[in-house]
């Protein structure tokens, strides 16, 4: 529909709510991918599993919702002006946390 209406814009520039800070876009999505891999799947899968009664998935889905509210209320969310005031710090802390969890909670070889 965007192509039909002439509103399609490729890339980050000119998008309604995106910024062109490629470094933090890449690192933030890397953190998202790492967190989803540690959780066992994508966010949609977690929502479906929580609907089927999986308690771990329900905690993860609740965490996504609470985390979104937290980041918007405490100046961590990005906007067209660029990354939030505390967003890069939160991303670095999140990466450290996920890496520590990934290495410490792995299954040991017998």
PDB file of N, CA and C in Angstrom:
ATOM      1  N   UNK A   1       0.822  -1.174   0.000  1.00  0.00           N
ATOM      2  CA  UNK A   1       0.000   0.000   0.000  1.00  0.00           C
ATOM      3  C   UNK A   1       0.881   1.257   0.000  1.00  0.00           C
ATOM      4  N   UNK A   2       1.995   1.197   0.776  1.00  0.00           N
ATOM      5  CA  UNK A   2       2.891   2.355   0.779  1.00  0.00           C
ATOM      6  C   UNK A   2       3.487   2.618  -0.598  1.00  0.00           C
ATOM      7  N   UNK A   3       3.822   1.562  -1.326  1.00  0.00           N
ATOM      8  CA  UNK A   3       4.307   1.749  -2.694  1.00  0.00           C
ATOM      9  C   UNK A   3       3.229   2.376  -3.569  1.00  0.00           C
ATOM     10  N   UNK A   4       2.012   1.895  -3.456  1.00  0.00           N
ATOM     11  CA  UNK A   4       0.896   2.389  -4.249  1.00  0.00           C
ATOM     12  C   UNK A   4       0.626   3.871  -3.963  1.00  0.00           C
ATOM     13  N   UNK A   5       0.734   4.274  -2.704  1.00  0.00           N
ATOM     14  CA  UNK A   5       0.472   5.669  -2.325  1.00  0.00           C
ATOM     15  C   UNK A   5       1.697   6.574  -2.437  1.00  0.00           C
ATOM     16  N   UNK A   6       2.837   5.991  -2.834  1.00  0.00           N
ATOM     17  CA  UNK A   6       4.051   6.800  -2.974  1.00  0.00           C
ATOM     18  C   UNK A   6       4.659   7.206  -1.648  1.00  0.00           C
ATOM     19  N   UNK A   7       4.424   6.440  -0.594  1.00  0.00           N
ATOM     20  CA  UNK A   7       4.940   6.778   0.729  1.00  0.00           C
ATOM     21  C   UNK A   7       6.087   5.872   1.156  1.00  0.00           C
ATOM     22  N   UNK A   8       6.543   4.981   0.285  1.00  0.00           N
ATOM     23  CA  UNK A   8       7.609   4.047   0.640  1.00  0.00           C
ATOM     24  C   UNK A   8       8.939   4.771   0.661  1.00  0.00           C
ATOM     25  N   UNK A   9       9.717   4.581   1.739  1.00  0.00           N
ATOM     26  CA  UNK A   9      11.056   5.150   1.860  1.00  0.00           C
ATOM     27  C   UNK A   9      11.979   4.054   2.366  1.00  0.00           C
ATOM     28  N   UNK A  10      12.942   3.654   1.558  1.00  0.00           N
ATOM     29  CA  UNK A  10      13.886   2.615   1.962  1.00  0.00           C
ATOM     30  C   UNK A  10      14.913   3.194   2.927  1.00  0.00           C
ATOM     31  N   UNK A  11      15.393   2.386   3.859  1.00  0.00           N
ATOM     32  CA  UNK A  11      16.424   2.813   4.805  1.00  0.00           C
ATOM     33  C   UNK A  11      15.845   3.487   6.030  1.00  0.00           C
ATOM     34  N   UNK A  12      16.738   4.001   6.862  1.00  0.00           N
ATOM     35  CA  UNK A  12      16.333   4.650   8.110  1.00  0.00           C
ATOM     36  C   UNK A  12      15.891   6.104   7.902  1.00  0.00           C
ATOM     37  N   UNK A  13      16.504   6.796   6.958  1.00  0.00           N
ATOM     38  CA  UNK A  13      16.220   8.216   6.761  1.00  0.00           C
ATOM     39  C   UNK A  13      14.787   8.443   6.296  1.00  0.00           C
ATOM     40  N   UNK A  14      14.138   9.402   6.891  1.00  0.00           N
ATOM     41  CA  UNK A  14      12.801   9.787   6.487  1.00  0.00           C
ATOM     42  C   UNK A  14      11.686   8.916   7.044  1.00  0.00           C
ATOM     43  N   UNK A  15      12.004   7.979   7.900  1.00  0.00           N
ATOM     44  CA  UNK A  15      10.974   7.143   8.512  1.00  0.00           C
ATOM     45  C   UNK A  15      10.297   7.923   9.643  1.00  0.00           C
ATOM     46  N   UNK A  16       9.051   7.633   9.953  1.00  0.00           N
ATOM     47  CA  UNK A  16       8.315   8.426  10.941  1.00  0.00           C
ATOM     48  C   UNK A  16       8.946   8.441  12.339  1.00  0.00           C
ATOM     49  N   UNK A  17       9.366   7.305  12.822  1.00  0.00           N
ATOM     50  CA  UNK A  17       9.898   7.256  14.189  1.00  0.00           C
ATOM     51  C   UNK A  17      11.225   6.542  14.286  1.00  0.00           C
ATOM     52  N   UNK A  18      12.069   6.689  13.315  1.00  0.00           N
ATOM     53  CA  UNK A  18      13.372   6.041  13.393  1.00  0.00           C
ATOM     54  C   UNK A  18      14.469   7.094  13.380  1.00  0.00           C
ATOM     55  N   UNK A  19      15.608   6.716  13.908  1.00  0.00           N
ATOM     56  CA  UNK A  19      16.766   7.606  13.870  1.00  0.00           C
ATOM     57  C   UNK A  19      17.827   6.948  13.004  1.00  0.00           C
ATOM     58  N   UNK A  20      18.816   7.692  12.616  1.00  0.00           N
ATOM     59  CA  UNK A  20      19.831   7.192  11.690  1.00  0.00           C
ATOM     60  C   UNK A  20      21.117   6.818  12.410  1.00  0.00           C
ATOM     61  N   UNK A  21      21.053   6.547  13.710  1.00  0.00           N
ATOM     62  CA  UNK A  21      22.236   6.127  14.448  1.00  0.00           C
ATOM     63  C   UNK A  21      22.397   4.618  14.267  1.00  0.00           C
ATOM     64  N   UNK A  22      23.094   4.242  13.203  1.00  0.00           N
ATOM     65  CA  UNK A  22      23.184   2.848  12.804  1.00  0.00           C
ATOM     66  C   UNK A  22      23.833   1.968  13.873  1.00  0.00           C
ATOM     67  N   UNK A  23      24.818   2.505  14.590  1.00  0.00           N
ATOM     68  CA  UNK A  23      25.505   1.720  15.612  1.00  0.00           C
ATOM     69  C   UNK A  23      24.534   1.231  16.677  1.00  0.00           C
ATOM     70  N   UNK A  24      23.712   2.142  17.230  1.00  0.00           N
ATOM     71  CA  UNK A  24      22.800   1.751  18.300  1.00  0.00           C
ATOM     72  C   UNK A  24      21.618   0.950  17.766  1.00  0.00           C
ATOM     73  N   UNK A  25      21.244   1.170  16.511  1.00  0.00           N
ATOM     74  CA  UNK A  25      20.230   0.299  15.903  1.00  0.00           C
ATOM     75  C   UNK A  25      20.739  -1.136  15.846  1.00  0.00           C
ATOM     76  N   UNK A  26      21.968  -1.307  15.386  1.00  0.00           N
ATOM     77  CA  UNK A  26      22.550  -2.639  15.236  1.00  0.00           C
ATOM     78  C   UNK A  26      22.762  -3.301  16.596  1.00  0.00           C
ATOM     79  N   UNK A  27      23.345  -2.585  17.555  1.00  0.00           N
ATOM     80  CA  UNK A  27      23.618  -3.166  18.870  1.00  0.00           C
ATOM     81  C   UNK A  27      22.310  -3.495  19.595  1.00  0.00           C
ATOM     82  N   UNK A  28      21.318  -2.615  19.504  1.00  0.00           N
ATOM     83  CA  UNK A  28      20.030  -2.870  20.148  1.00  0.00           C
ATOM     84  C   UNK A  28      19.330  -4.087  19.583  1.00  0.00           C
ATOM     85  N   UNK A  29      19.382  -4.269  18.265  1.00  0.00           N
ATOM     86  CA  UNK A  29      18.765  -5.451  17.669  1.00  0.00           C
ATOM     87  C   UNK A  29      19.574  -6.703  17.972  1.00  0.00           C
ATOM     88  N   UNK A  30      20.886  -6.555  18.124  1.00  0.00           N
ATOM     89  CA  UNK A  30      21.707  -7.680  18.565  1.00  0.00           C
ATOM     90  C   UNK A  30      21.305  -8.141  19.957  1.00  0.00           C
ATOM     91  N   UNK A  31      21.063  -7.176  20.843  1.00  0.00           N
ATOM     92  CA  UNK A  31      20.596  -7.499  22.193  1.00  0.00           C
ATOM     93  C   UNK A  31      19.235  -8.182  22.135  1.00  0.00           C
ATOM     94  N   UNK A  32      18.350  -7.693  21.303  1.00  0.00           N
ATOM     95  CA  UNK A  32      17.033  -8.321  21.167  1.00  0.00           C
ATOM     96  C   UNK A  32      17.165  -9.758  20.689  1.00  0.00           C
ATOM     97  N   UNK A  33      17.969  -9.985  19.672  1.00  0.00           N
ATOM     98  CA  UNK A  33      18.165 -11.328  19.152  1.00  0.00           C
ATOM     99  C   UNK A  33      18.769 -12.262  20.182  1.00  0.00           C
ATOM    100  N   UNK A  34      19.733 -11.773  20.950  1.00  0.00           N
ATOM    101  CA  UNK A  34      20.353 -12.590  21.987  1.00  0.00           C
ATOM    102  C   UNK A  34      19.342 -12.944  23.077  1.00  0.00           C
ATOM    103  N   UNK A  35      18.548 -11.968  23.505  1.00  0.00           N
ATOM    104  CA  UNK A  35      17.536 -12.220  24.537  1.00  0.00           C
ATOM    105  C   UNK A  35      16.493 -13.213  24.036  1.00  0.00           C
ATOM    106  N   UNK A  36      16.068 -13.082  22.798  1.00  0.00           N
ATOM    107  CA  UNK A  36      15.070 -14.005  22.256  1.00  0.00           C
ATOM    108  C   UNK A  36      15.655 -15.403  22.094  1.00  0.00           C
ATOM    109  N   UNK A  37      16.932 -15.505  21.710  1.00  0.00           N
ATOM    110  CA  UNK A  37      17.562 -16.815  21.600  1.00  0.00           C
ATOM    111  C   UNK A  37      17.666 -17.485  22.966  1.00  0.00           C
ATOM    112  N   UNK A  38      18.024 -16.714  23.985  1.00  0.00           N
ATOM    113  CA  UNK A  38      18.104 -17.269  25.342  1.00  0.00           C
ATOM    114  C   UNK A  38      16.723 -17.694  25.849  1.00  0.00           C
ATOM    115  N   UNK A  39      15.679 -17.016  25.409  1.00  0.00           N
ATOM    116  CA  UNK A  39      14.322 -17.332  25.851  1.00  0.00           C
ATOM    117  C   UNK A  39      13.742 -18.523  25.099  1.00  0.00           C
ATOM    118  N   UNK A  40      14.357 -18.903  24.005  1.00  0.00           N
ATOM    119  CA  UNK A  40      13.881 -20.060  23.273  1.00  0.00           C
ATOM    120  C   UNK A  40      13.032 -19.742  22.066  1.00  0.00           C
ATOM    121  N   UNK A  41      13.021 -18.516  21.620  1.00  0.00           N
ATOM    122  CA  UNK A  41      12.258 -18.204  20.413  1.00  0.00           C
ATOM    123  C   UNK A  41      11.872 -16.743  20.334  1.00  0.00           C
ATOM    124  N   UNK A  42      11.214 -16.401  19.265  1.00  0.00           N
ATOM    125  CA  UNK A  42      10.827 -15.023  18.997  1.00  0.00           C
ATOM    126  C   UNK A  42       9.690 -14.583  19.927  1.00  0.00           C
ATOM    127  N   UNK A  43       9.423 -13.287  20.002  1.00  0.00           N
ATOM    128  CA  UNK A  43       8.369 -12.800  20.897  1.00  0.00           C
ATOM    129  C   UNK A  43       6.993 -13.357  20.562  1.00  0.00           C
ATOM    130  N   UNK A  44       6.703 -13.528  19.292  1.00  0.00           N
ATOM    131  CA  UNK A  44       5.404 -14.098  18.915  1.00  0.00           C
ATOM    132  C   UNK A  44       5.246 -15.514  19.448  1.00  0.00           C
ATOM    133  N   UNK A  45       6.303 -16.283  19.357  1.00  0.00           N
ATOM    134  CA  UNK A  45       6.278 -17.655  19.886  1.00  0.00           C
ATOM    135  C   UNK A  45       6.038 -17.638  21.387  1.00  0.00           C
ATOM    136  N   UNK A  46       6.670 -16.696  22.090  1.00  0.00           N
ATOM    137  CA  UNK A  46       6.484 -16.602  23.541  1.00  0.00           C
ATOM    138  C   UNK A  46       5.030 -16.269  23.883  1.00  0.00           C
ATOM    139  N   UNK A  47       4.423 -15.412  23.085  1.00  0.00           N
ATOM    140  CA  UNK A  47       3.014 -15.073  23.334  1.00  0.00           C
ATOM    141  C   UNK A  47       2.112 -16.283  23.113  1.00  0.00           C
ATOM    142  N   UNK A  48       2.368 -17.048  22.042  1.00  0.00           N
ATOM    143  CA  UNK A  48       1.568 -18.251  21.788  1.00  0.00           C
ATOM    144  C   UNK A  48       1.762 -19.277  22.898  1.00  0.00           C
ATOM    145  N   UNK A  49       3.020 -19.478  23.304  1.00  0.00           N
ATOM    146  CA  UNK A  49       3.290 -20.447  24.366  1.00  0.00           C
ATOM    147  C   UNK A  49       2.649 -20.025  25.689  1.00  0.00           C
ATOM    148  N   UNK A  50       2.658 -18.735  25.976  1.00  0.00           N
ATOM    149  CA  UNK A  50       2.021 -18.276  27.212  1.00  0.00           C
ATOM    150  C   UNK A  50       0.517 -18.509  27.163  1.00  0.00           C
ATOM    151  N   UNK A  51      -0.073 -18.376  25.987  1.00  0.00           N
ATOM    152  CA  UNK A  51      -1.490 -18.668  25.828  1.00  0.00           C
ATOM    153  C   UNK A  51      -1.804 -20.141  25.988  1.00  0.00           C
ATOM    154  N   UNK A  52      -0.800 -20.991  25.748  1.00  0.00           N
ATOM    155  CA  UNK A  52      -0.977 -22.424  25.912  1.00  0.00           C
ATOM    156  C   UNK A  52      -0.674 -22.885  27.336  1.00  0.00           C
ATOM    157  N   UNK A  53      -0.303 -21.946  28.214  1.00  0.00           N
ATOM    158  CA  UNK A  53      -0.071 -22.289  29.615  1.00  0.00           C
ATOM    159  C   UNK A  53       1.380 -22.419  30.021  1.00  0.00           C
ATOM    160  N   UNK A  54       2.317 -22.075  29.169  1.00  0.00           N
ATOM    161  CA  UNK A  54       3.740 -22.157  29.519  1.00  0.00           C
ATOM    162  C   UNK A  54       4.088 -20.983  30.438  1.00  0.00           C
ATOM    163  N   UNK A  55       4.422 -21.284  31.689  1.00  0.00           N
ATOM    164  CA  UNK A  55       4.694 -20.251  32.675  1.00  0.00           C
ATOM    165  C   UNK A  55       5.937 -19.427  32.361  1.00  0.00           C
ATOM    166  N   UNK A  56       6.999 -20.085  31.856  1.00  0.00           N
ATOM    167  CA  UNK A  56       8.219 -19.357  31.503  1.00  0.00           C
ATOM    168  C   UNK A  56       7.946 -18.343  30.395  1.00  0.00           C
ATOM    169  N   UNK A  57       7.173 -18.752  29.401  1.00  0.00           N
ATOM    170  CA  UNK A  57       6.832 -17.852  28.303  1.00  0.00           C
ATOM    171  C   UNK A  57       5.959 -16.703  28.795  1.00  0.00           C
ATOM    172  N   UNK A  58       5.078 -16.980  29.753  1.00  0.00           N
ATOM    173  CA  UNK A  58       4.223 -15.922  30.301  1.00  0.00           C
ATOM    174  C   UNK A  58       5.064 -14.882  31.040  1.00  0.00           C
ATOM    175  N   UNK A  59       6.049 -15.332  31.790  1.00  0.00           N
ATOM    176  CA  UNK A  59       6.951 -14.401  32.487  1.00  0.00           C
ATOM    177  C   UNK A  59       7.720 -13.566  31.468  1.00  0.00           C
ATOM    178  N   UNK A  60       8.194 -14.212  30.397  1.00  0.00           N
ATOM    179  CA  UNK A  60       8.929 -13.483  29.366  1.00  0.00           C
ATOM    180  C   UNK A  60       8.041 -12.451  28.678  1.00  0.00           C
ATOM    181  N   UNK A  61       6.818 -12.838  28.328  1.00  0.00           N
ATOM    182  CA  UNK A  61       5.895 -11.908  27.668  1.00  0.00           C
ATOM    183  C   UNK A  61       5.554 -10.742  28.594  1.00  0.00           C
ATOM    184  N   UNK A  62       5.338 -11.031  29.867  1.00  0.00           N
ATOM    185  CA  UNK A  62       5.077  -9.958  30.834  1.00  0.00           C
ATOM    186  C   UNK A  62       6.286  -9.043  30.938  1.00  0.00           C
ATOM    187  N   UNK A  63       7.477  -9.632  30.939  1.00  0.00           N
ATOM    188  CA  UNK A  63       8.699  -8.828  30.985  1.00  0.00           C
ATOM    189  C   UNK A  63       8.851  -7.911  29.785  1.00  0.00           C
ATOM    190  N   UNK A  64       8.435  -8.375  28.606  1.00  0.00           N
ATOM    191  CA  UNK A  64       8.499  -7.513  27.415  1.00  0.00           C
ATOM    192  C   UNK A  64       7.591  -6.302  27.582  1.00  0.00           C
ATOM    193  N   UNK A  65       6.403  -6.522  28.101  1.00  0.00           N
ATOM    194  CA  UNK A  65       5.443  -5.420  28.270  1.00  0.00           C
ATOM    195  C   UNK A  65       5.926  -4.442  29.342  1.00  0.00           C
ATOM    196  N   UNK A  66       6.367  -4.973  30.478  1.00  0.00           N
ATOM    197  CA  UNK A  66       6.855  -4.122  31.560  1.00  0.00           C
ATOM    198  C   UNK A  66       8.118  -3.378  31.118  1.00  0.00           C
ATOM    199  N   UNK A  67       8.998  -4.069  30.391  1.00  0.00           N
ATOM    200  CA  UNK A  67      10.218  -3.436  29.899  1.00  0.00           C
ATOM    201  C   UNK A  67       9.938  -2.296  28.931  1.00  0.00           C
ATOM    202  N   UNK A  68       8.933  -2.455  28.081  1.00  0.00           N
ATOM    203  CA  UNK A  68       8.575  -1.379  27.153  1.00  0.00           C
ATOM    204  C   UNK A  68       8.061  -0.164  27.923  1.00  0.00           C
ATOM    205  N   UNK A  69       7.216  -0.400  28.900  1.00  0.00           N
ATOM    206  CA  UNK A  69       6.715   0.714  29.715  1.00  0.00           C
ATOM    207  C   UNK A  69       7.828   1.387  30.492  1.00  0.00           C
ATOM    208  N   UNK A  70       8.720   0.590  31.046  1.00  0.00           N
ATOM    209  CA  UNK A  70       9.845   1.120  31.818  1.00  0.00           C
ATOM    210  C   UNK A  70      10.741   1.986  30.939  1.00  0.00           C
ATOM    211  N   UNK A  71      11.059   1.500  29.735  1.00  0.00           N
ATOM    212  CA  UNK A  71      11.960   2.245  28.860  1.00  0.00           C
ATOM    213  C   UNK A  71      11.334   3.555  28.375  1.00  0.00           C
ATOM    214  N   UNK A  72      10.034   3.565  28.164  1.00  0.00           N
ATOM    215  CA  UNK A  72       9.389   4.805  27.723  1.00  0.00           C
ATOM    216  C   UNK A  72       9.248   5.805  28.870  1.00  0.00           C
ATOM    217  N   UNK A  73       9.065   5.338  30.073  1.00  0.00           N
ATOM    218  CA  UNK A  73       8.898   6.239  31.211  1.00  0.00           C
ATOM    219  C   UNK A  73      10.207   6.780  31.753  1.00  0.00           C
ATOM    220  N   UNK A  74      11.317   6.106  31.500  1.00  0.00           N
ATOM    221  CA  UNK A  74      12.593   6.519  32.075  1.00  0.00           C
ATOM    222  C   UNK A  74      13.632   6.885  31.019  1.00  0.00           C
ATOM    223  N   UNK A  75      13.206   7.501  29.935  1.00  0.00           N
ATOM    224  CA  UNK A  75      14.077   8.084  28.895  1.00  0.00           C
ATOM    225  C   UNK A  75      15.078   7.102  28.299  1.00  0.00           C
ATOM    226  N   UNK A  76      14.647   5.871  28.076  1.00  0.00           N
ATOM    227  CA  UNK A  76      15.525   4.899  27.422  1.00  0.00           C
ATOM    228  C   UNK A  76      15.080   4.595  26.001  1.00  0.00           C
ATOM    229  N   UNK A  77      13.847   4.892  25.670  1.00  0.00           N
ATOM    230  CA  UNK A  77      13.323   4.590  24.337  1.00  0.00           C
ATOM    231  C   UNK A  77      13.859   5.597  23.318  1.00  0.00           C
ATOM    232  N   UNK A  78      14.080   5.119  22.105  1.00  0.00           N
ATOM    233  CA  UNK A  78      14.559   5.981  21.033  1.00  0.00           C
ATOM    234  C   UNK A  78      13.393   6.676  20.355  1.00  0.00           C
ATOM    235  N   UNK A  79      13.721   7.725  19.631  1.00  0.00           N
ATOM    236  CA  UNK A  79      12.722   8.451  18.847  1.00  0.00           C
ATOM    237  C   UNK A  79      13.414   8.954  17.582  1.00  0.00           C
ATOM    238  N   UNK A  80      12.712   9.765  16.817  1.00  0.00           N
ATOM    239  CA  UNK A  80      13.311  10.324  15.598  1.00  0.00           C
ATOM    240  C   UNK A  80      14.501  11.218  15.919  1.00  0.00           C
ATOM    241  N   UNK A  81      14.577  11.732  17.157  1.00  0.00           N
ATOM    242  CA  UNK A  81      15.688  12.592  17.560  1.00  0.00           C
ATOM    243  C   UNK A  81      16.959  11.799  17.855  1.00  0.00           C
ATOM    244  N   UNK A  82      16.849  10.487  17.991  1.00  0.00           N
ATOM    245  CA  UNK A  82      18.010   9.652  18.273  1.00  0.00           C
ATOM    246  C   UNK A  82      17.751   8.750  19.457  1.00  0.00           C
ATOM    247  N   UNK A  83      18.781   8.036  19.891  1.00  0.00           N
ATOM    248  CA  UNK A  83      18.608   7.151  21.040  1.00  0.00           C
ATOM    249  C   UNK A  83      18.214   7.946  22.277  1.00  0.00           C
ATOM    250  N   UNK A  84      17.460   7.317  23.175  1.00  0.00           N
ATOM    251  CA  UNK A  84      17.051   7.968  24.410  1.00  0.00           C
ATOM    252  C   UNK A  84      18.256   8.324  25.271  1.00  0.00           C
ATOM    253  N   UNK A  85      18.050   9.188  26.252  1.00  0.00           N
ATOM    254  CA  UNK A  85      19.145   9.669  27.087  1.00  0.00           C
ATOM    255  C   UNK A  85      19.891   8.528  27.768  1.00  0.00           C
ATOM    256  N   UNK A  86      19.170   7.541  28.242  1.00  0.00           N
ATOM    257  CA  UNK A  86      19.789   6.424  28.948  1.00  0.00           C
ATOM    258  C   UNK A  86      19.727   5.122  28.170  1.00  0.00           C
ATOM    259  N   UNK A  87      19.289   5.175  26.934  1.00  0.00           N
ATOM    260  CA  UNK A  87      19.155   3.976  26.120  1.00  0.00           C
ATOM    261  C   UNK A  87      20.449   3.227  25.891  1.00  0.00           C
ATOM    262  N   UNK A  88      21.527   3.906  25.473  1.00  0.00           N
ATOM    263  CA  UNK A  88      22.780   3.180  25.252  1.00  0.00           C
ATOM    264  C   UNK A  88      23.302   2.496  26.517  1.00  0.00           C
ATOM    265  N   UNK A  89      23.136   3.131  27.664  1.00  0.00           N
ATOM    266  CA  UNK A  89      23.571   2.519  28.923  1.00  0.00           C
ATOM    267  C   UNK A  89      22.747   1.262  29.189  1.00  0.00           C
ATOM    268  N   UNK A  90      21.448   1.341  28.968  1.00  0.00           N
ATOM    269  CA  UNK A  90      20.572   0.194  29.192  1.00  0.00           C
ATOM    270  C   UNK A  90      20.912  -0.948  28.241  1.00  0.00           C
ATOM    271  N   UNK A  91      21.267  -0.629  26.997  1.00  0.00           N
ATOM    272  CA  UNK A  91      21.628  -1.666  26.026  1.00  0.00           C
ATOM    273  C   UNK A  91      22.911  -2.366  26.457  1.00  0.00           C
ATOM    274  N   UNK A  92      23.893  -1.621  26.914  1.00  0.00           N
ATOM    275  CA  UNK A  92      25.151  -2.223  27.363  1.00  0.00           C
ATOM    276  C   UNK A  92      24.912  -3.111  28.582  1.00  0.00           C
ATOM    277  N   UNK A  93      24.125  -2.627  29.548  1.00  0.00           N
ATOM    278  CA  UNK A  93      23.800  -3.439  30.725  1.00  0.00           C
ATOM    279  C   UNK A  93      23.038  -4.696  30.301  1.00  0.00           C
ATOM    280  N   UNK A  94      22.105  -4.560  29.366  1.00  0.00           N
ATOM    281  CA  UNK A  94      21.357  -5.709  28.875  1.00  0.00           C
ATOM    282  C   UNK A  94      22.253  -6.729  28.196  1.00  0.00           C
ATOM    283  N   UNK A  95      23.214  -6.265  27.391  1.00  0.00           N
ATOM    284  CA  UNK A  95      24.149  -7.179  26.736  1.00  0.00           C
ATOM    285  C   UNK A  95      24.985  -7.933  27.765  1.00  0.00           C
ATOM    286  N   UNK A  96      25.507  -7.208  28.750  1.00  0.00           N
ATOM    287  CA  UNK A  96      26.306  -7.847  29.794  1.00  0.00           C
ATOM    288  C   UNK A  96      25.470  -8.890  30.532  1.00  0.00           C
ATOM    289  N   UNK A  97      24.243  -8.533  30.886  1.00  0.00           N
ATOM    290  CA  UNK A  97      23.357  -9.455  31.592  1.00  0.00           C
ATOM    291  C   UNK A  97      23.091 -10.702  30.764  1.00  0.00           C
ATOM    292  N   UNK A  98      22.747 -10.528  29.495  1.00  0.00           N
ATOM    293  CA  UNK A  98      22.434 -11.676  28.636  1.00  0.00           C
ATOM    294  C   UNK A  98      23.651 -12.558  28.409  1.00  0.00           C
ATOM    295  N   UNK A  99      24.825 -11.964  28.257  1.00  0.00           N
ATOM    296  CA  UNK A  99      26.043 -12.755  28.066  1.00  0.00           C
ATOM    297  C   UNK A  99      26.360 -13.555  29.323  1.00  0.00           C
ATOM    298  N   UNK A 100      26.231 -12.928  30.501  1.00  0.00           N
ATOM    299  CA  UNK A 100      26.470 -13.639  31.758  1.00  0.00           C
ATOM    300  C   UNK A 100      25.469 -14.784  31.913  1.00  0.00           C
ATOM    301  N   UNK A 101      24.193 -14.523  31.654  1.00  0.00           N
ATOM    302  CA  UNK A 101      23.184 -15.578  31.751  1.00  0.00           C
ATOM    303  C   UNK A 101      23.482 -16.692  30.758  1.00  0.00           C
ATOM    304  N   UNK A 102      23.854 -16.342  29.548  1.00  0.00           N
ATOM    305  CA  UNK A 102      24.140 -17.343  28.528  1.00  0.00           C
ATOM    306  C   UNK A 102      25.286 -18.256  28.899  1.00  0.00           C
ATOM    307  N   UNK A 103      26.329 -17.709  29.498  1.00  0.00           N
ATOM    308  CA  UNK A 103      27.472 -18.536  29.853  1.00  0.00           C
ATOM    309  C   UNK A 103      27.285 -19.290  31.167  1.00  0.00           C
ATOM    310  N   UNK A 104      26.554 -18.727  32.091  1.00  0.00           N
ATOM    311  CA  UNK A 104      26.411 -19.387  33.394  1.00  0.00           C
ATOM    312  C   UNK A 104      25.272 -20.393  33.443  1.00  0.00           C
ATOM    313  N   UNK A 105      24.280 -20.286  32.575  1.00  0.00           N
ATOM    314  CA  UNK A 105      23.133 -21.186  32.630  1.00  0.00           C
ATOM    315  C   UNK A 105      23.136 -22.256  31.548  1.00  0.00           C
ATOM    316  N   UNK A 106      24.250 -22.422  30.868  1.00  0.00           N
ATOM    317  CA  UNK A 106      24.307 -23.435  29.814  1.00  0.00           C
ATOM    318  C   UNK A 106      24.399 -24.825  30.429  1.00  0.00           C
ATOM    319  N   UNK A 107      23.968 -25.803  29.642  1.00  0.00           N
ATOM    320  CA  UNK A 107      24.006 -27.182  30.099  1.00  0.00           C
ATOM    321  C   UNK A 107      25.439 -27.681  30.049  1.00  0.00           C
ATOM    322  N   UNK A 108      25.848 -28.342  31.108  1.00  0.00           N
ATOM    323  CA  UNK A 108      27.221 -28.863  31.193  1.00  0.00           C
ATOM    324  C   UNK A 108      27.317 -30.197  30.460  1.00  0.00           C
ATOM    325  N   UNK A 109      28.445 -30.421  29.812  1.00  0.00           N
ATOM    326  CA  UNK A 109      28.706 -31.691  29.133  1.00  0.00           C
ATOM    327  C   UNK A 109      28.980 -32.757  30.195  1.00  0.00           C
ATOM    328  N   UNK A 110      28.450 -33.944  30.003  1.00  0.00           N
ATOM    329  CA  UNK A 110      28.652 -35.021  30.995  1.00  0.00           C
ATOM    330  C   UNK A 110      29.989 -35.680  30.858  1.00  0.00           C
TER     331      UNK A 110
END
